Amino acid sequence: MPAAIVDAGLGDFETILKTAELQGPGVLLLLFLGDRIASVGKSWCPDCVRAEPIIYKLVNESESPVTLVRVYVGDKPTWRTSDHPLRCDDRFKLKGVPTLIRWENGAISGRLEDYEADKEMKIKELLKSSEVQTKTI
């Protein structure tokens, strides 16, 4: 079943998240990525470039409906600051990109950090998981 993919930046993330939470049945995933470099059409983050096609393939193959919100965290200098809003946000406490989060009932129910966000088996588990989990799968 093809996933619904919605893009968000720092300025509109909260509004888009609220809308996505009202989506109805299905899985809601948040994928935090480094911004794309216009001249090459890819993220400045090599881990994001590696993980994206794998994540897109698996969410589009999911038997359940999936909404994937791609959240662009900014350019590399913006992301690297210790006071980046998503690093400081108590809901997410991002440490790296890409980070893939399963979001249920206003909270994280599963999470894959940058070093594991391209692992097919872990992504499949995140898509299946329905138990509330606050630590890395």
N, C-alpha and C. Protein backbone atom coordinates (compact mmCIF):
# COMPACT_ATOMS: atom_id res chain seq x y z
N MET A 1 0.86 -1.17 0.00
CA MET A 1 0.00 0.00 0.00
C MET A 1 0.91 1.24 0.00
N PRO A 2 0.77 2.11 -0.97
CA PRO A 2 1.63 3.29 -1.03
C PRO A 2 1.44 4.19 0.20
N ALA A 3 2.55 4.69 0.69
CA ALA A 3 2.53 5.58 1.85
C ALA A 3 2.16 6.99 1.43
N ALA A 4 1.54 7.72 2.35
CA ALA A 4 1.34 9.15 2.16
C ALA A 4 2.58 9.83 2.73
N ILE A 5 3.27 10.61 1.90
CA ILE A 5 4.50 11.28 2.33
C ILE A 5 4.25 12.78 2.35
N VAL A 6 4.54 13.38 3.51
CA VAL A 6 4.33 14.80 3.72
C VAL A 6 5.65 15.41 4.19
N ASP A 7 6.01 16.56 3.63
CA ASP A 7 7.25 17.23 4.00
C ASP A 7 6.98 18.36 4.99
N ALA A 8 7.92 18.51 5.93
CA ALA A 8 7.83 19.58 6.92
C ALA A 8 9.23 20.14 7.16
N GLY A 9 9.26 21.41 7.49
CA GLY A 9 10.50 22.06 7.91
C GLY A 9 10.32 22.52 9.35
N LEU A 10 11.31 23.18 9.87
CA LEU A 10 11.22 23.64 11.25
C LEU A 10 10.04 24.59 11.45
N GLY A 11 9.74 25.43 10.46
CA GLY A 11 8.69 26.42 10.59
C GLY A 11 7.28 25.87 10.60
N ASP A 12 7.03 24.76 9.92
CA ASP A 12 5.66 24.24 9.83
C ASP A 12 5.50 22.84 10.43
N PHE A 13 6.52 22.36 11.09
CA PHE A 13 6.48 21.00 11.62
C PHE A 13 5.32 20.77 12.59
N GLU A 14 5.12 21.66 13.55
CA GLU A 14 4.07 21.45 14.55
C GLU A 14 2.69 21.35 13.91
N THR A 15 2.41 22.21 12.95
CA THR A 15 1.11 22.19 12.26
C THR A 15 0.94 20.89 11.49
N ILE A 16 1.97 20.48 10.78
CA ILE A 16 1.89 19.25 9.99
C ILE A 16 1.77 18.03 10.89
N LEU A 17 2.48 18.02 12.01
CA LEU A 17 2.36 16.91 12.95
C LEU A 17 0.94 16.80 13.49
N LYS A 18 0.35 17.91 13.87
CA LYS A 18 -1.03 17.89 14.39
C LYS A 18 -2.00 17.35 13.33
N THR A 19 -1.82 17.76 12.10
CA THR A 19 -2.67 17.27 11.01
C THR A 19 -2.47 15.77 10.80
N ALA A 20 -1.22 15.33 10.81
CA ALA A 20 -0.91 13.91 10.60
C ALA A 20 -1.46 13.05 11.73
N GLU A 21 -1.50 13.57 12.94
CA GLU A 21 -2.03 12.82 14.07
C GLU A 21 -3.52 12.53 13.90
N LEU A 22 -4.20 13.33 13.12
CA LEU A 22 -5.63 13.15 12.88
C LEU A 22 -5.93 12.27 11.67
N GLN A 23 -4.90 11.64 11.13
CA GLN A 23 -5.02 10.87 9.90
C GLN A 23 -5.99 9.71 9.94
N GLY A 24 -6.29 9.19 11.12
CA GLY A 24 -7.13 8.01 11.21
C GLY A 24 -6.27 6.77 11.37
N PRO A 25 -6.77 5.61 10.96
CA PRO A 25 -6.02 4.37 11.17
C PRO A 25 -4.73 4.34 10.37
N GLY A 26 -3.80 3.59 10.86
CA GLY A 26 -2.52 3.43 10.16
C GLY A 26 -1.37 3.89 11.02
N VAL A 27 -0.20 3.73 10.48
CA VAL A 27 1.05 4.04 11.17
C VAL A 27 1.48 5.46 10.82
N LEU A 28 1.94 6.19 11.82
CA LEU A 28 2.50 7.52 11.60
C LEU A 28 3.99 7.46 11.93
N LEU A 29 4.81 7.72 10.92
CA LEU A 29 6.26 7.74 11.09
C LEU A 29 6.77 9.16 10.86
N LEU A 30 7.76 9.54 11.66
CA LEU A 30 8.44 10.81 11.49
C LEU A 30 9.88 10.50 11.10
N LEU A 31 10.31 11.03 9.97
CA LEU A 31 11.67 10.80 9.49
C LEU A 31 12.40 12.13 9.49
N PHE A 32 13.37 12.28 10.38
CA PHE A 32 14.13 13.51 10.51
C PHE A 32 15.36 13.40 9.62
N LEU A 33 15.53 14.37 8.72
CA LEU A 33 16.57 14.34 7.69
C LEU A 33 17.29 15.67 7.60
N GLY A 34 18.52 15.62 7.10
CA GLY A 34 19.23 16.84 6.74
C GLY A 34 18.62 17.41 5.47
N ASP A 35 18.57 18.74 5.36
CA ASP A 35 18.02 19.40 4.17
C ASP A 35 18.70 18.91 2.91
N ARG A 36 17.97 19.02 1.81
CA ARG A 36 18.52 18.66 0.50
C ARG A 36 19.35 19.82 -0.04
N ILE A 37 20.43 19.47 -0.72
CA ILE A 37 21.24 20.46 -1.43
C ILE A 37 20.64 20.58 -2.82
N ALA A 38 20.16 21.75 -3.16
CA ALA A 38 19.43 21.96 -4.41
C ALA A 38 20.22 21.51 -5.63
N SER A 39 21.50 21.79 -5.67
CA SER A 39 22.30 21.48 -6.86
C SER A 39 22.46 19.98 -7.12
N VAL A 40 22.32 19.16 -6.09
CA VAL A 40 22.47 17.70 -6.27
C VAL A 40 21.19 16.94 -6.00
N GLY A 41 20.21 17.60 -5.37
CA GLY A 41 18.93 16.96 -5.11
C GLY A 41 18.96 15.91 -4.00
N LYS A 42 20.02 15.90 -3.22
CA LYS A 42 20.15 14.94 -2.12
C LYS A 42 20.53 15.68 -0.85
N SER A 43 20.34 15.01 0.26
CA SER A 43 20.67 15.59 1.56
C SER A 43 22.18 15.77 1.70
N TRP A 44 22.57 16.73 2.54
CA TRP A 44 23.98 16.91 2.87
C TRP A 44 24.46 15.76 3.77
N CYS A 45 23.54 15.01 4.31
CA CYS A 45 23.83 13.93 5.25
C CYS A 45 23.96 12.60 4.52
N PRO A 46 25.16 12.01 4.45
CA PRO A 46 25.32 10.75 3.73
C PRO A 46 24.51 9.60 4.32
N ASP A 47 24.32 9.59 5.64
CA ASP A 47 23.50 8.53 6.25
C ASP A 47 22.04 8.65 5.81
N CYS A 48 21.56 9.89 5.63
CA CYS A 48 20.19 10.11 5.14
C CYS A 48 20.06 9.60 3.71
N VAL A 49 21.04 9.90 2.88
CA VAL A 49 21.03 9.47 1.47
C VAL A 49 20.97 7.94 1.40
N ARG A 50 21.70 7.27 2.29
CA ARG A 50 21.72 5.81 2.30
C ARG A 50 20.39 5.23 2.82
N ALA A 51 19.81 5.84 3.85
CA ALA A 51 18.62 5.28 4.49
C ALA A 51 17.32 5.57 3.73
N GLU A 52 17.22 6.72 3.11
CA GLU A 52 15.95 7.12 2.49
C GLU A 52 15.36 6.08 1.54
N PRO A 53 16.10 5.59 0.54
CA PRO A 53 15.47 4.65 -0.39
C PRO A 53 14.98 3.37 0.28
N ILE A 54 15.68 2.92 1.30
CA ILE A 54 15.27 1.70 2.01
C ILE A 54 13.99 1.96 2.77
N ILE A 55 13.92 3.09 3.47
CA ILE A 55 12.72 3.44 4.23
C ILE A 55 11.53 3.60 3.30
N TYR A 56 11.70 4.32 2.19
CA TYR A 56 10.59 4.54 1.25
C TYR A 56 10.08 3.22 0.68
N LYS A 57 10.99 2.34 0.35
CA LYS A 57 10.60 1.04 -0.20
C LYS A 57 9.74 0.28 0.80
N LEU A 58 10.19 0.21 2.04
CA LEU A 58 9.48 -0.57 3.05
C LEU A 58 8.14 0.05 3.46
N VAL A 59 8.07 1.36 3.57
CA VAL A 59 6.78 1.95 3.94
C VAL A 59 5.78 1.80 2.79
N ASN A 60 6.25 1.84 1.56
CA ASN A 60 5.35 1.65 0.42
C ASN A 60 4.91 0.21 0.26
N GLU A 61 5.67 -0.73 0.81
CA GLU A 61 5.30 -2.15 0.75
C GLU A 61 4.46 -2.58 1.95
N SER A 62 4.28 -1.71 2.93
CA SER A 62 3.55 -2.06 4.15
C SER A 62 2.11 -2.45 3.82
N GLU A 63 1.63 -3.46 4.55
CA GLU A 63 0.24 -3.89 4.37
C GLU A 63 -0.73 -2.93 5.04
N SER A 64 -0.26 -2.18 6.01
CA SER A 64 -1.09 -1.19 6.71
C SER A 64 -0.85 0.18 6.09
N PRO A 65 -1.82 1.08 6.21
CA PRO A 65 -1.60 2.44 5.73
C PRO A 65 -0.49 3.11 6.56
N VAL A 66 0.35 3.87 5.88
CA VAL A 66 1.45 4.57 6.54
C VAL A 66 1.45 6.02 6.10
N THR A 67 1.57 6.92 7.07
CA THR A 67 1.84 8.32 6.78
C THR A 67 3.25 8.59 7.24
N LEU A 68 4.08 9.07 6.33
CA LEU A 68 5.48 9.37 6.63
C LEU A 68 5.67 10.87 6.53
N VAL A 69 6.01 11.49 7.65
CA VAL A 69 6.29 12.92 7.67
C VAL A 69 7.81 13.07 7.64
N ARG A 70 8.30 13.65 6.54
CA ARG A 70 9.74 13.94 6.42
C ARG A 70 9.97 15.31 7.02
N VAL A 71 10.79 15.35 8.06
CA VAL A 71 11.06 16.60 8.75
C VAL A 71 12.50 17.00 8.45
N TYR A 72 12.65 18.10 7.72
CA TYR A 72 13.98 18.57 7.35
C TYR A 72 14.50 19.48 8.45
N VAL A 73 15.67 19.11 9.02
CA VAL A 73 16.20 19.78 10.21
C VAL A 73 17.05 21.01 9.89
N GLY A 74 17.30 21.26 8.63
CA GLY A 74 18.11 22.41 8.24
C GLY A 74 19.40 22.00 7.57
N ASP A 75 20.19 23.02 7.23
CA ASP A 75 21.49 22.73 6.62
C ASP A 75 22.45 22.23 7.70
N LYS A 76 23.63 21.82 7.30
CA LYS A 76 24.57 21.21 8.23
C LYS A 76 24.95 22.15 9.38
N PRO A 77 25.29 23.43 9.12
CA PRO A 77 25.63 24.32 10.24
C PRO A 77 24.47 24.52 11.21
N THR A 78 23.24 24.60 10.69
CA THR A 78 22.07 24.76 11.56
C THR A 78 21.90 23.53 12.44
N TRP A 79 22.00 22.36 11.84
CA TRP A 79 21.82 21.11 12.58
C TRP A 79 22.90 20.93 13.65
N ARG A 80 24.10 21.35 13.37
CA ARG A 80 25.23 21.13 14.28
C ARG A 80 25.18 21.94 15.57
N THR A 81 24.32 22.96 15.64
CA THR A 81 24.27 23.77 16.85
C THR A 81 23.63 22.98 18.00
N SER A 82 24.18 23.15 19.18
CA SER A 82 23.67 22.40 20.34
C SER A 82 22.27 22.85 20.76
N ASP A 83 21.87 24.05 20.35
CA ASP A 83 20.55 24.55 20.72
C ASP A 83 19.52 24.40 19.58
N HIS A 84 19.79 23.48 18.66
CA HIS A 84 18.82 23.22 17.58
C HIS A 84 17.49 22.84 18.23
N PRO A 85 16.37 23.39 17.74
CA PRO A 85 15.07 23.15 18.39
C PRO A 85 14.71 21.68 18.55
N LEU A 86 15.08 20.83 17.60
CA LEU A 86 14.71 19.41 17.72
C LEU A 86 15.66 18.63 18.61
N ARG A 87 16.84 19.15 18.84
CA ARG A 87 17.75 18.54 19.83
C ARG A 87 17.24 18.85 21.24
N CYS A 88 16.66 20.03 21.41
CA CYS A 88 16.20 20.50 22.72
C CYS A 88 14.76 20.10 23.04
N ASP A 89 13.99 19.70 22.03
CA ASP A 89 12.59 19.34 22.22
C ASP A 89 12.50 18.06 23.05
N ASP A 90 11.85 18.14 24.22
CA ASP A 90 11.76 17.00 25.12
C ASP A 90 11.04 15.80 24.52
N ARG A 91 10.22 16.03 23.50
CA ARG A 91 9.51 14.91 22.87
C ARG A 91 10.45 14.07 22.02
N PHE A 92 11.44 14.71 21.39
CA PHE A 92 12.25 14.00 20.40
C PHE A 92 13.71 13.83 20.80
N LYS A 93 14.31 14.84 21.39
CA LYS A 93 15.72 14.81 21.82
C LYS A 93 16.62 14.17 20.75
N LEU A 94 16.55 14.73 19.56
CA LEU A 94 17.34 14.18 18.46
C LEU A 94 18.83 14.32 18.73
N LYS A 95 19.55 13.27 18.36
CA LYS A 95 21.01 13.28 18.48
C LYS A 95 21.66 13.21 17.11
N GLY A 96 20.96 12.64 16.15
CA GLY A 96 21.52 12.49 14.82
C GLY A 96 20.43 12.37 13.79
N VAL A 97 20.83 12.49 12.55
CA VAL A 97 19.93 12.26 11.42
C VAL A 97 20.60 11.24 10.51
N PRO A 98 19.81 10.39 9.89
CA PRO A 98 18.35 10.29 9.99
C PRO A 98 17.93 9.65 11.31
N THR A 99 16.78 10.05 11.79
CA THR A 99 16.12 9.38 12.90
C THR A 99 14.70 9.08 12.43
N LEU A 100 14.30 7.83 12.61
CA LEU A 100 12.96 7.40 12.22
C LEU A 100 12.19 7.06 13.49
N ILE A 101 11.05 7.72 13.67
CA ILE A 101 10.25 7.56 14.88
C ILE A 101 8.84 7.11 14.52
N ARG A 102 8.36 6.13 15.26
CA ARG A 102 6.94 5.76 15.18
C ARG A 102 6.23 6.58 16.25
N TRP A 103 5.23 7.33 15.84
CA TRP A 103 4.53 8.28 16.71
C TRP A 103 3.10 7.79 16.92
N GLU A 104 2.75 7.52 18.18
CA GLU A 104 1.41 7.05 18.51
C GLU A 104 0.90 7.77 19.75
N ASN A 105 -0.32 8.25 19.68
CA ASN A 105 -0.95 8.89 20.84
C ASN A 105 -0.09 10.00 21.44
N GLY A 106 0.54 10.78 20.57
CA GLY A 106 1.32 11.92 21.03
C GLY A 106 2.65 11.59 21.67
N ALA A 107 3.16 10.39 21.40
CA ALA A 107 4.43 9.98 22.01
C ALA A 107 5.18 9.02 21.09
N ILE A 108 6.45 8.86 21.38
CA ILE A 108 7.29 7.92 20.63
C ILE A 108 6.96 6.50 21.09
N SER A 109 6.65 5.64 20.13
CA SER A 109 6.41 4.23 20.46
C SER A 109 7.49 3.33 19.86
N GLY A 110 8.41 3.90 19.13
CA GLY A 110 9.54 3.18 18.56
C GLY A 110 10.47 4.17 17.90
N ARG A 111 11.75 3.83 17.84
CA ARG A 111 12.73 4.80 17.34
C ARG A 111 13.93 4.08 16.77
N LEU A 112 14.39 4.57 15.62
CA LEU A 112 15.64 4.11 15.02
C LEU A 112 16.55 5.32 14.87
N GLU A 113 17.72 5.24 15.47
CA GLU A 113 18.69 6.33 15.39
C GLU A 113 19.45 6.28 14.08
N ASP A 114 20.29 7.27 13.84
CA ASP A 114 21.01 7.43 12.58
C ASP A 114 21.79 6.19 12.16
N TYR A 115 22.44 5.51 13.08
CA TYR A 115 23.28 4.36 12.74
C TYR A 115 22.49 3.10 12.42
N GLU A 116 21.16 3.11 12.63
CA GLU A 116 20.35 1.92 12.38
C GLU A 116 19.15 2.20 11.48
N ALA A 117 18.99 3.43 11.03
CA ALA A 117 17.80 3.82 10.26
C ALA A 117 17.79 3.23 8.85
N ASP A 118 18.87 2.57 8.45
CA ASP A 118 18.90 1.95 7.12
C ASP A 118 18.82 0.42 7.20
N LYS A 119 18.55 -0.12 8.37
CA LYS A 119 18.50 -1.58 8.57
C LYS A 119 17.09 -2.09 8.31
N GLU A 120 16.93 -2.87 7.23
CA GLU A 120 15.60 -3.33 6.81
C GLU A 120 14.83 -4.03 7.92
N MET A 121 15.47 -4.94 8.62
CA MET A 121 14.76 -5.69 9.66
C MET A 121 14.25 -4.77 10.77
N LYS A 122 15.05 -3.78 11.13
CA LYS A 122 14.64 -2.86 12.20
C LYS A 122 13.49 -1.97 11.74
N ILE A 123 13.52 -1.56 10.48
CA ILE A 123 12.43 -0.74 9.93
C ILE A 123 11.14 -1.56 9.90
N LYS A 124 11.24 -2.83 9.47
CA LYS A 124 10.06 -3.70 9.44
C LYS A 124 9.49 -3.89 10.83
N GLU A 125 10.34 -4.06 11.83
CA GLU A 125 9.88 -4.19 13.21
C GLU A 125 9.18 -2.91 13.68
N LEU A 126 9.74 -1.77 13.30
CA LEU A 126 9.13 -0.49 13.67
C LEU A 126 7.74 -0.35 13.04
N LEU A 127 7.60 -0.81 11.82
CA LEU A 127 6.30 -0.75 11.15
C LEU A 127 5.29 -1.68 11.81
N LYS A 128 5.74 -2.82 12.34
CA LYS A 128 4.85 -3.79 12.97
C LYS A 128 4.56 -3.46 14.42
N SER A 129 5.49 -2.84 15.09
CA SER A 129 5.41 -2.62 16.53
C SER A 129 4.16 -1.86 16.92
N SER A 130 3.47 -2.35 17.93
CA SER A 130 2.32 -1.61 18.44
C SER A 130 2.43 -1.37 19.94
N GLU A 131 3.43 -1.96 20.57
CA GLU A 131 3.63 -1.74 21.99
C GLU A 131 4.36 -0.43 22.20
N VAL A 132 4.04 0.28 23.25
CA VAL A 132 4.71 1.54 23.55
C VAL A 132 6.13 1.23 23.99
N GLN A 133 7.08 1.80 23.23
CA GLN A 133 8.48 1.61 23.52
C GLN A 133 9.13 2.98 23.49
N THR A 134 9.94 3.29 24.45
CA THR A 134 10.57 4.60 24.46
C THR A 134 12.06 4.52 24.22
N LYS A 135 12.57 3.33 24.05
CA LYS A 135 13.98 3.21 23.76
C LYS A 135 14.17 2.62 22.38
N THR A 136 15.37 2.60 21.92
CA THR A 136 15.70 2.12 20.59
C THR A 136 15.31 0.65 20.46
N ILE A 137 14.73 0.30 19.32
CA ILE A 137 14.37 -1.08 19.03
C ILE A 137 15.63 -1.86 18.71
